[in-house]
N, C-alpha and C. Protein backbone atom coordinates (compact mmCIF):
# COMPACT_ATOMS: atom_id res chain seq x y z
N MET A 1 136.98 53.64 150.85
CA MET A 1 136.90 53.62 149.32
C MET A 1 136.66 55.04 148.93
N ASP A 2 137.41 55.39 147.83
CA ASP A 2 137.02 56.67 147.23
C ASP A 2 135.82 56.81 146.64
N LEU A 3 135.11 57.78 146.81
CA LEU A 3 133.78 58.16 146.31
C LEU A 3 133.66 58.01 144.82
N SER A 4 134.59 58.42 144.23
CA SER A 4 134.63 58.26 142.69
C SER A 4 134.60 56.85 142.23
N LEU A 5 135.60 56.05 142.90
CA LEU A 5 135.52 54.59 142.67
C LEU A 5 134.21 53.90 142.94
N LEU A 6 133.73 54.26 144.11
CA LEU A 6 132.36 53.75 144.51
C LEU A 6 131.38 54.16 143.31
N GLY A 7 131.32 55.31 142.92
CA GLY A 7 130.39 55.75 141.76
C GLY A 7 130.61 54.82 140.65
N TRP A 8 131.86 54.63 140.19
CA TRP A 8 132.14 53.77 139.06
C TRP A 8 131.67 52.32 139.24
N LEU A 9 131.85 51.70 140.49
CA LEU A 9 131.55 50.40 140.78
C LEU A 9 129.95 50.27 140.69
N PHE A 10 129.12 51.33 141.22
CA PHE A 10 127.71 51.31 141.25
C PHE A 10 127.38 51.31 139.68
N ALA A 11 127.83 52.16 138.85
CA ALA A 11 127.62 52.29 137.56
C ALA A 11 127.86 50.98 136.75
N LEU A 12 128.98 50.31 137.17
CA LEU A 12 129.31 48.94 136.54
C LEU A 12 128.15 47.83 137.03
N GLY A 13 127.79 48.12 138.18
CA GLY A 13 126.73 47.01 138.76
C GLY A 13 125.55 47.36 137.94
N VAL A 14 125.16 48.53 137.68
CA VAL A 14 123.96 48.84 136.73
C VAL A 14 124.15 48.21 135.34
N VAL A 15 125.40 48.44 134.94
CA VAL A 15 125.55 47.85 133.58
C VAL A 15 125.42 46.18 133.59
N ALA A 16 125.90 45.59 134.59
CA ALA A 16 125.68 44.07 134.79
C ALA A 16 124.33 43.80 134.99
N HIS A 17 123.50 44.67 135.73
CA HIS A 17 122.13 44.42 135.94
C HIS A 17 121.42 44.54 134.56
N ASN A 18 121.70 45.64 133.90
CA ASN A 18 121.09 45.80 132.59
C ASN A 18 121.39 44.71 131.58
N ALA A 19 122.52 44.26 131.58
CA ALA A 19 122.92 43.16 130.65
C ALA A 19 122.30 41.84 130.98
N GLU A 20 122.02 41.65 132.34
CA GLU A 20 121.25 40.33 132.68
C GLU A 20 119.90 40.49 132.15
N GLU A 21 119.35 41.71 132.29
CA GLU A 21 117.96 41.86 131.95
C GLU A 21 117.82 41.70 130.34
N ALA A 22 118.73 42.35 129.77
CA ALA A 22 118.64 42.24 128.31
C ALA A 22 118.83 40.91 127.69
N TRP A 23 119.62 40.01 128.37
CA TRP A 23 119.85 38.68 127.99
C TRP A 23 118.58 37.77 128.31
N LEU A 24 118.03 38.05 129.49
CA LEU A 24 117.06 36.99 129.92
C LEU A 24 115.55 37.51 129.77
N LEU A 25 115.30 38.82 129.90
CA LEU A 25 113.99 39.39 129.97
C LEU A 25 113.16 39.06 128.80
N PRO A 26 113.69 39.24 127.54
CA PRO A 26 112.84 39.01 126.33
C PRO A 26 112.20 37.62 126.26
N SER A 27 113.08 36.55 126.57
CA SER A 27 112.40 35.14 126.56
C SER A 27 111.45 34.96 127.72
N TRP A 28 111.93 35.54 128.84
CA TRP A 28 111.10 35.21 130.04
C TRP A 28 109.66 36.07 129.83
N SER A 29 109.61 37.07 129.18
CA SER A 29 108.37 37.72 129.03
C SER A 29 107.48 37.15 127.97
N LYS A 30 107.97 36.21 127.26
CA LYS A 30 107.09 35.48 126.29
C LYS A 30 106.13 34.40 126.99
N ARG A 31 106.39 34.10 128.30
CA ARG A 31 105.39 33.37 129.10
C ARG A 31 103.99 33.99 129.13
N PRO A 32 103.06 33.22 129.44
CA PRO A 32 101.76 33.86 129.48
C PRO A 32 101.48 34.81 130.65
N THR A 33 101.98 36.00 130.49
CA THR A 33 101.78 37.04 131.54
C THR A 33 101.46 38.33 130.81
N ARG A 34 101.22 39.43 131.43
CA ARG A 34 100.93 40.55 130.77
C ARG A 34 102.23 41.39 130.64
N TRP A 35 103.34 40.89 131.01
CA TRP A 35 104.64 41.59 130.93
C TRP A 35 105.41 40.97 129.72
N ARG A 36 105.17 41.49 128.47
CA ARG A 36 105.90 41.07 127.27
C ARG A 36 106.60 42.19 126.72
N ILE A 37 107.91 41.95 126.59
CA ILE A 37 108.77 43.05 126.14
C ILE A 37 109.36 42.54 124.86
N THR A 38 109.37 43.39 123.89
CA THR A 38 110.15 43.00 122.65
C THR A 38 111.64 43.23 122.78
N PRO A 39 112.41 42.25 122.32
CA PRO A 39 113.76 42.22 122.57
C PRO A 39 114.52 43.39 122.09
N ARG A 40 114.27 43.85 120.83
CA ARG A 40 115.01 44.98 120.25
C ARG A 40 114.71 46.25 121.08
N VAL A 41 113.47 46.45 121.54
CA VAL A 41 113.27 47.70 122.17
C VAL A 41 113.86 47.67 123.67
N PHE A 42 113.69 46.48 124.35
CA PHE A 42 114.34 46.44 125.61
C PHE A 42 115.65 46.51 125.64
N ARG A 43 116.30 45.83 124.69
CA ARG A 43 117.87 45.94 124.74
C ARG A 43 118.39 47.42 124.39
N LEU A 44 117.64 48.13 123.52
CA LEU A 44 118.01 49.47 123.32
C LEU A 44 117.83 50.28 124.59
N GLY A 45 116.75 50.07 125.34
CA GLY A 45 116.62 50.83 126.56
C GLY A 45 117.64 50.44 127.58
N ALA A 46 118.03 49.06 127.70
CA ALA A 46 119.04 48.73 128.58
C ALA A 46 120.32 49.45 128.26
N LEU A 47 120.68 49.49 126.98
CA LEU A 47 121.95 49.96 126.70
C LEU A 47 122.00 51.59 126.88
N VAL A 48 120.88 52.28 126.58
CA VAL A 48 120.90 53.74 126.86
C VAL A 48 120.97 53.94 128.40
N LEU A 49 120.23 53.21 129.25
CA LEU A 49 120.24 53.39 130.66
C LEU A 49 121.50 53.01 131.12
N SER A 50 122.31 51.98 130.68
CA SER A 50 123.59 51.73 131.01
C SER A 50 124.62 52.89 130.85
N LEU A 51 124.42 53.44 129.59
CA LEU A 51 125.43 54.58 129.08
C LEU A 51 125.04 55.77 130.06
N LEU A 52 123.71 55.87 130.42
CA LEU A 52 123.39 57.12 131.38
C LEU A 52 124.08 56.80 132.73
N ALA A 53 123.92 55.69 133.24
CA ALA A 53 124.71 55.39 134.50
C ALA A 53 126.20 55.66 134.51
N LEU A 54 126.86 55.36 133.31
CA LEU A 54 128.25 55.56 133.27
C LEU A 54 128.51 57.00 133.15
N LEU A 55 127.74 57.83 132.37
CA LEU A 55 127.66 59.29 132.15
C LEU A 55 127.56 59.95 133.58
N ALA A 56 126.70 59.46 134.37
CA ALA A 56 126.34 60.05 135.72
C ALA A 56 127.68 59.76 136.64
N ALA A 57 128.19 58.62 136.49
CA ALA A 57 129.47 58.33 137.29
C ALA A 57 130.49 59.29 136.87
N TRP A 58 130.70 59.53 135.51
CA TRP A 58 131.77 60.31 135.03
C TRP A 58 131.59 61.75 135.47
N LEU A 59 130.17 62.31 135.41
CA LEU A 59 129.90 63.66 135.70
C LEU A 59 130.16 63.85 137.17
N ALA A 60 129.90 62.89 137.95
CA ALA A 60 130.03 63.01 139.44
C ALA A 60 131.66 63.06 139.77
N ALA A 61 132.28 62.26 139.04
CA ALA A 61 133.86 62.16 139.25
C ALA A 61 134.51 63.46 138.83
N VAL A 62 134.08 64.06 137.62
CA VAL A 62 134.75 65.29 137.31
C VAL A 62 134.21 66.47 137.82
N GLY A 63 132.79 66.49 138.30
CA GLY A 63 132.24 67.59 138.94
C GLY A 63 132.49 67.83 140.37
N GLY A 64 132.66 66.78 141.09
CA GLY A 64 133.04 66.86 142.44
C GLY A 64 131.79 67.05 143.40
N ARG A 65 132.10 67.63 144.55
CA ARG A 65 131.07 67.87 145.47
C ARG A 65 130.04 68.89 145.10
N HIS A 66 128.81 68.58 145.39
CA HIS A 66 127.64 69.40 145.14
C HIS A 66 127.46 69.67 143.62
N SER A 67 128.07 68.93 142.90
CA SER A 67 127.83 69.10 141.26
C SER A 67 126.45 68.44 140.86
N ALA A 68 126.10 68.83 139.75
CA ALA A 68 124.85 68.34 139.10
C ALA A 68 125.13 66.77 138.99
N GLY A 69 126.28 66.38 138.67
CA GLY A 69 126.69 64.97 138.46
C GLY A 69 126.54 64.12 139.55
N ALA A 70 126.89 64.83 140.77
CA ALA A 70 126.75 64.04 142.18
C ALA A 70 125.26 63.82 142.41
N TYR A 71 124.57 64.71 142.29
CA TYR A 71 123.08 64.69 142.51
C TYR A 71 122.40 63.73 141.50
N LEU A 72 122.80 63.70 140.23
CA LEU A 72 122.24 62.81 139.18
C LEU A 72 122.70 61.38 139.62
N LEU A 73 123.86 61.14 139.93
CA LEU A 73 124.36 59.73 140.28
C LEU A 73 123.54 59.28 141.59
N ALA A 74 123.52 60.31 142.53
CA ALA A 74 122.73 59.73 143.84
C ALA A 74 121.37 59.46 143.44
N GLY A 75 120.60 60.26 142.58
CA GLY A 75 119.11 60.04 142.16
C GLY A 75 119.21 58.63 141.35
N TYR A 76 120.21 58.35 140.68
CA TYR A 76 120.14 57.10 139.86
C TYR A 76 120.30 55.97 140.83
N ALA A 77 121.20 56.14 141.81
CA ALA A 77 121.35 55.10 142.83
C ALA A 77 119.97 54.88 143.68
N LEU A 78 119.37 56.02 144.03
CA LEU A 78 118.02 55.75 144.59
C LEU A 78 117.03 55.05 143.69
N ALA A 79 116.94 55.39 142.45
CA ALA A 79 116.22 54.62 141.48
C ALA A 79 116.50 53.13 141.47
N MET A 80 117.80 52.69 141.37
CA MET A 80 118.16 51.34 141.41
C MET A 80 117.91 50.69 142.65
N VAL A 81 117.91 51.41 143.86
CA VAL A 81 117.73 50.70 145.15
C VAL A 81 116.06 50.52 145.12
N LEU A 82 115.24 51.35 144.63
CA LEU A 82 113.92 51.04 144.53
C LEU A 82 113.62 50.07 143.60
N ASN A 83 114.28 50.11 142.60
CA ASN A 83 114.06 49.06 141.42
C ASN A 83 114.25 47.61 141.96
N VAL A 84 115.00 47.37 143.14
CA VAL A 84 115.12 46.00 143.58
C VAL A 84 113.78 45.50 143.92
N LEU A 85 112.95 46.34 144.77
CA LEU A 85 111.55 45.86 145.14
C LEU A 85 110.62 45.84 144.06
N ALA A 86 110.55 47.15 143.17
CA ALA A 86 109.62 47.14 142.14
C ALA A 86 110.45 47.52 140.80
N PRO A 87 110.43 46.64 140.05
CA PRO A 87 109.53 45.41 139.88
C PRO A 87 110.10 44.11 140.29
N HIS A 88 111.45 44.06 140.60
CA HIS A 88 112.06 42.70 140.51
C HIS A 88 111.58 41.75 141.77
N VAL A 89 111.57 42.15 142.98
CA VAL A 89 111.03 41.32 144.08
C VAL A 89 109.57 41.01 143.88
N ILE A 90 108.90 42.05 143.47
CA ILE A 90 107.40 41.95 143.33
C ILE A 90 107.10 40.91 142.25
N ALA A 91 107.80 41.06 141.12
CA ALA A 91 107.57 40.24 139.97
C ALA A 91 108.00 38.69 140.37
N CYS A 92 109.10 38.52 141.18
CA CYS A 92 109.18 37.19 141.65
C CYS A 92 108.02 36.63 142.40
N LEU A 93 107.45 37.38 143.26
CA LEU A 93 106.46 36.89 144.27
C LEU A 93 105.20 36.71 143.25
N VAL A 94 104.78 37.58 142.39
CA VAL A 94 103.72 37.50 141.57
C VAL A 94 103.65 36.24 140.60
N THR A 95 104.82 36.18 139.98
CA THR A 95 105.02 35.09 139.07
C THR A 95 105.43 33.73 139.74
N ARG A 96 105.88 33.79 140.95
CA ARG A 96 106.50 32.52 141.60
C ARG A 96 107.57 31.92 140.80
N SER A 97 108.37 32.84 140.20
CA SER A 97 109.45 32.37 139.48
C SER A 97 110.65 33.39 139.45
N TYR A 98 111.67 33.18 138.98
CA TYR A 98 112.82 34.14 139.09
C TYR A 98 112.57 35.14 137.89
N ALA A 99 112.53 36.34 138.33
CA ALA A 99 112.51 37.47 137.29
C ALA A 99 113.87 37.98 136.93
N PRO A 100 114.09 37.96 135.62
CA PRO A 100 115.40 38.47 135.24
C PRO A 100 115.79 39.78 135.84
N GLY A 101 117.01 39.88 136.27
CA GLY A 101 117.64 41.16 136.89
C GLY A 101 117.57 40.98 138.36
N THR A 102 116.82 40.17 138.91
CA THR A 102 116.71 40.04 140.45
C THR A 102 118.03 39.76 141.18
N ALA A 103 118.74 38.91 140.60
CA ALA A 103 120.12 38.60 141.21
C ALA A 103 121.03 39.77 141.21
N THR A 104 121.27 40.42 140.06
CA THR A 104 122.11 41.58 140.05
C THR A 104 121.46 42.68 140.71
N ALA A 105 120.19 42.85 140.73
CA ALA A 105 119.61 43.91 141.55
C ALA A 105 119.88 43.85 143.07
N VAL A 106 119.77 42.66 143.59
CA VAL A 106 120.20 42.36 145.01
C VAL A 106 121.67 42.29 145.31
N LEU A 107 122.31 41.67 144.39
CA LEU A 107 123.77 41.62 144.71
C LEU A 107 124.56 42.88 144.37
N PHE A 108 124.17 43.63 143.34
CA PHE A 108 124.95 44.84 143.17
C PHE A 108 124.20 46.14 143.40
N ASN A 109 122.90 46.22 142.85
CA ASN A 109 122.23 47.61 142.86
C ASN A 109 121.77 47.89 144.43
N LEU A 110 121.41 46.94 145.07
CA LEU A 110 120.92 47.28 146.46
C LEU A 110 122.15 47.64 147.36
N PRO A 111 123.23 46.87 147.48
CA PRO A 111 124.28 47.30 148.36
C PRO A 111 125.22 48.60 147.74
N LEU A 112 125.47 48.37 146.51
CA LEU A 112 126.15 49.61 145.96
C LEU A 112 125.44 50.96 145.93
N GLY A 113 124.19 50.74 145.52
CA GLY A 113 123.48 52.06 145.51
C GLY A 113 123.18 52.53 146.93
N SER A 114 122.89 51.75 147.94
CA SER A 114 122.69 52.18 149.25
C SER A 114 124.00 52.82 149.81
N TRP A 115 125.13 52.05 149.64
CA TRP A 115 126.38 52.39 150.11
C TRP A 115 126.71 53.77 149.55
N LEU A 116 126.54 53.95 148.21
CA LEU A 116 126.89 55.20 147.50
C LEU A 116 126.12 56.37 148.08
N ILE A 117 124.85 56.35 148.21
CA ILE A 117 123.92 57.30 148.71
C ILE A 117 124.43 57.60 150.17
N HIS A 118 124.70 56.61 150.87
CA HIS A 118 124.96 56.89 152.34
C HIS A 118 126.49 57.81 152.31
N ARG A 119 127.35 57.32 151.49
CA ARG A 119 128.73 57.97 151.33
C ARG A 119 128.50 59.36 150.93
N LEU A 120 127.78 59.48 149.91
CA LEU A 120 127.57 60.95 149.36
C LEU A 120 127.15 61.92 150.37
N LEU A 121 126.09 61.35 151.14
CA LEU A 121 125.57 62.18 152.30
C LEU A 121 126.60 62.34 153.45
N GLN A 122 127.16 61.24 153.82
CA GLN A 122 128.08 61.28 154.95
C GLN A 122 129.29 62.15 154.71
N ASP A 123 129.92 62.10 153.42
CA ASP A 123 130.98 62.92 153.09
C ASP A 123 130.67 64.24 152.69
N GLY A 124 129.42 64.65 152.65
CA GLY A 124 128.99 66.00 152.40
C GLY A 124 129.15 66.41 150.90
N ALA A 125 129.05 65.28 150.08
CA ALA A 125 129.21 65.57 148.60
C ALA A 125 127.90 65.90 148.08
N ILE A 126 126.79 65.54 148.75
CA ILE A 126 125.45 66.04 148.42
C ILE A 126 124.78 66.63 149.63
N GLU A 127 124.04 67.54 149.63
CA GLU A 127 123.20 68.13 150.68
C GLU A 127 121.87 67.30 150.89
N PRO A 128 121.63 66.91 152.16
CA PRO A 128 120.38 66.08 152.36
C PRO A 128 119.15 66.78 151.83
N ALA A 129 119.03 68.06 152.07
CA ALA A 129 117.77 68.85 151.69
C ALA A 129 117.61 68.96 150.24
N VAL A 130 118.77 69.11 149.51
CA VAL A 130 118.76 69.04 148.11
C VAL A 130 118.36 67.51 147.55
N PHE A 131 119.02 66.57 148.17
CA PHE A 131 118.72 65.28 147.64
C PHE A 131 117.31 64.86 147.94
N ALA A 132 116.63 65.43 148.96
CA ALA A 132 115.30 64.98 149.35
C ALA A 132 114.29 65.41 148.23
N TRP A 133 114.61 66.44 147.22
CA TRP A 133 113.85 66.72 146.18
C TRP A 133 114.48 66.22 144.82
N SER A 134 115.83 66.46 144.81
CA SER A 134 116.44 66.00 143.59
C SER A 134 116.50 64.48 143.38
N GLY A 135 116.67 63.73 144.41
CA GLY A 135 116.61 62.21 144.30
C GLY A 135 115.36 61.63 143.62
N PRO A 136 114.21 62.08 144.22
CA PRO A 136 112.93 61.49 143.64
C PRO A 136 112.65 62.18 142.28
N LEU A 137 113.14 63.32 142.04
CA LEU A 137 113.02 63.95 140.72
C LEU A 137 113.88 63.08 139.65
N VAL A 138 114.87 62.70 140.00
CA VAL A 138 115.78 61.83 138.97
C VAL A 138 115.14 60.63 138.91
N VAL A 139 114.54 59.96 139.89
CA VAL A 139 113.74 58.60 139.82
C VAL A 139 112.52 58.92 138.83
N LEU A 140 111.82 59.91 138.99
CA LEU A 140 110.69 60.22 138.18
C LEU A 140 111.15 60.50 136.74
N GLY A 141 112.29 61.17 136.51
CA GLY A 141 112.76 61.37 135.26
C GLY A 141 113.06 60.13 134.50
N LEU A 142 113.89 59.23 135.26
CA LEU A 142 114.21 57.95 134.73
C LEU A 142 112.94 57.16 134.31
N LEU A 143 111.82 57.13 135.16
CA LEU A 143 110.66 56.46 134.77
C LEU A 143 109.94 57.00 133.57
N ALA A 144 109.94 58.41 133.51
CA ALA A 144 109.31 58.96 132.35
C ALA A 144 110.11 58.77 131.02
N PHE A 145 111.41 58.55 131.22
CA PHE A 145 112.47 58.40 130.09
C PHE A 145 112.10 56.87 129.44
N VAL A 146 111.63 56.04 130.18
CA VAL A 146 111.50 54.61 129.51
C VAL A 146 110.43 54.68 128.29
N PRO A 147 109.32 55.24 128.32
CA PRO A 147 108.39 55.32 127.22
C PRO A 147 109.11 55.97 126.09
N VAL A 148 109.96 56.96 126.26
CA VAL A 148 110.66 57.59 125.24
C VAL A 148 111.62 56.67 124.59
N LEU A 149 112.33 55.74 125.43
CA LEU A 149 113.12 54.79 124.88
C LEU A 149 112.43 53.79 124.06
N PHE A 150 111.24 53.42 124.49
CA PHE A 150 110.33 52.51 123.79
C PHE A 150 110.06 53.13 122.41
N ALA A 151 109.64 54.32 122.29
CA ALA A 151 109.24 55.06 121.16
C ALA A 151 110.54 55.15 120.17
N LEU A 152 111.65 55.36 120.79
CA LEU A 152 112.96 55.35 119.90
C LEU A 152 113.22 54.04 119.28
N GLY A 153 112.77 53.03 120.05
CA GLY A 153 113.03 51.72 119.56
C GLY A 153 112.01 51.32 118.40
N GLY A 154 111.06 52.23 118.08
CA GLY A 154 110.19 51.95 116.89
C GLY A 154 108.97 51.12 117.16
N LYS A 155 108.84 50.51 118.36
CA LYS A 155 107.72 49.64 118.54
C LYS A 155 107.35 49.98 120.18
N PRO A 156 106.08 49.55 120.42
CA PRO A 156 105.58 49.71 121.73
C PRO A 156 106.64 48.82 122.67
N GLY A 157 106.70 49.18 123.87
CA GLY A 157 107.67 48.32 124.76
C GLY A 157 107.01 47.09 125.30
N VAL A 158 105.58 47.04 125.19
CA VAL A 158 104.96 45.88 125.62
C VAL A 158 104.35 45.30 124.33
N ALA A 159 104.64 44.11 124.17
CA ALA A 159 104.14 43.21 122.96
C ALA A 159 102.74 42.78 123.29
N ARG A 160 102.03 42.63 122.22
CA ARG A 160 100.68 42.24 122.42
C ARG A 160 100.61 40.83 121.92
């Protein structure tokens, strides 16, 4: 499979994952737990993060090998692979219930993200030494971006 196509499939998997979360998470978080998300803020965050995944796929497609877009996409894939465990699988175990986004995380993000990283490395589109620091940097950047998205939504991301 062409790397560009794989990048787009990964990004569409992220969009499907974020759509599942945007649909189910607000009502799920109303249960008596400490994870309460306001729908407006969460849906804004899911939309922006989906657009960012699509932008990364586009930048990687037009930038080609060793481009900033390729490293951004690889880092985004790393973030989504890690996202399968934390918070999705952990939330399922802790709450003993289905956590919104777990199905699409396991069905799309884990296999497509892992396959994309593998192919980017195998095909020489990204250098392992650069990805060793840029991948975690993108993951940390995405994590740091979440509170910014909550602030842009006008309310805290966690409802009281």
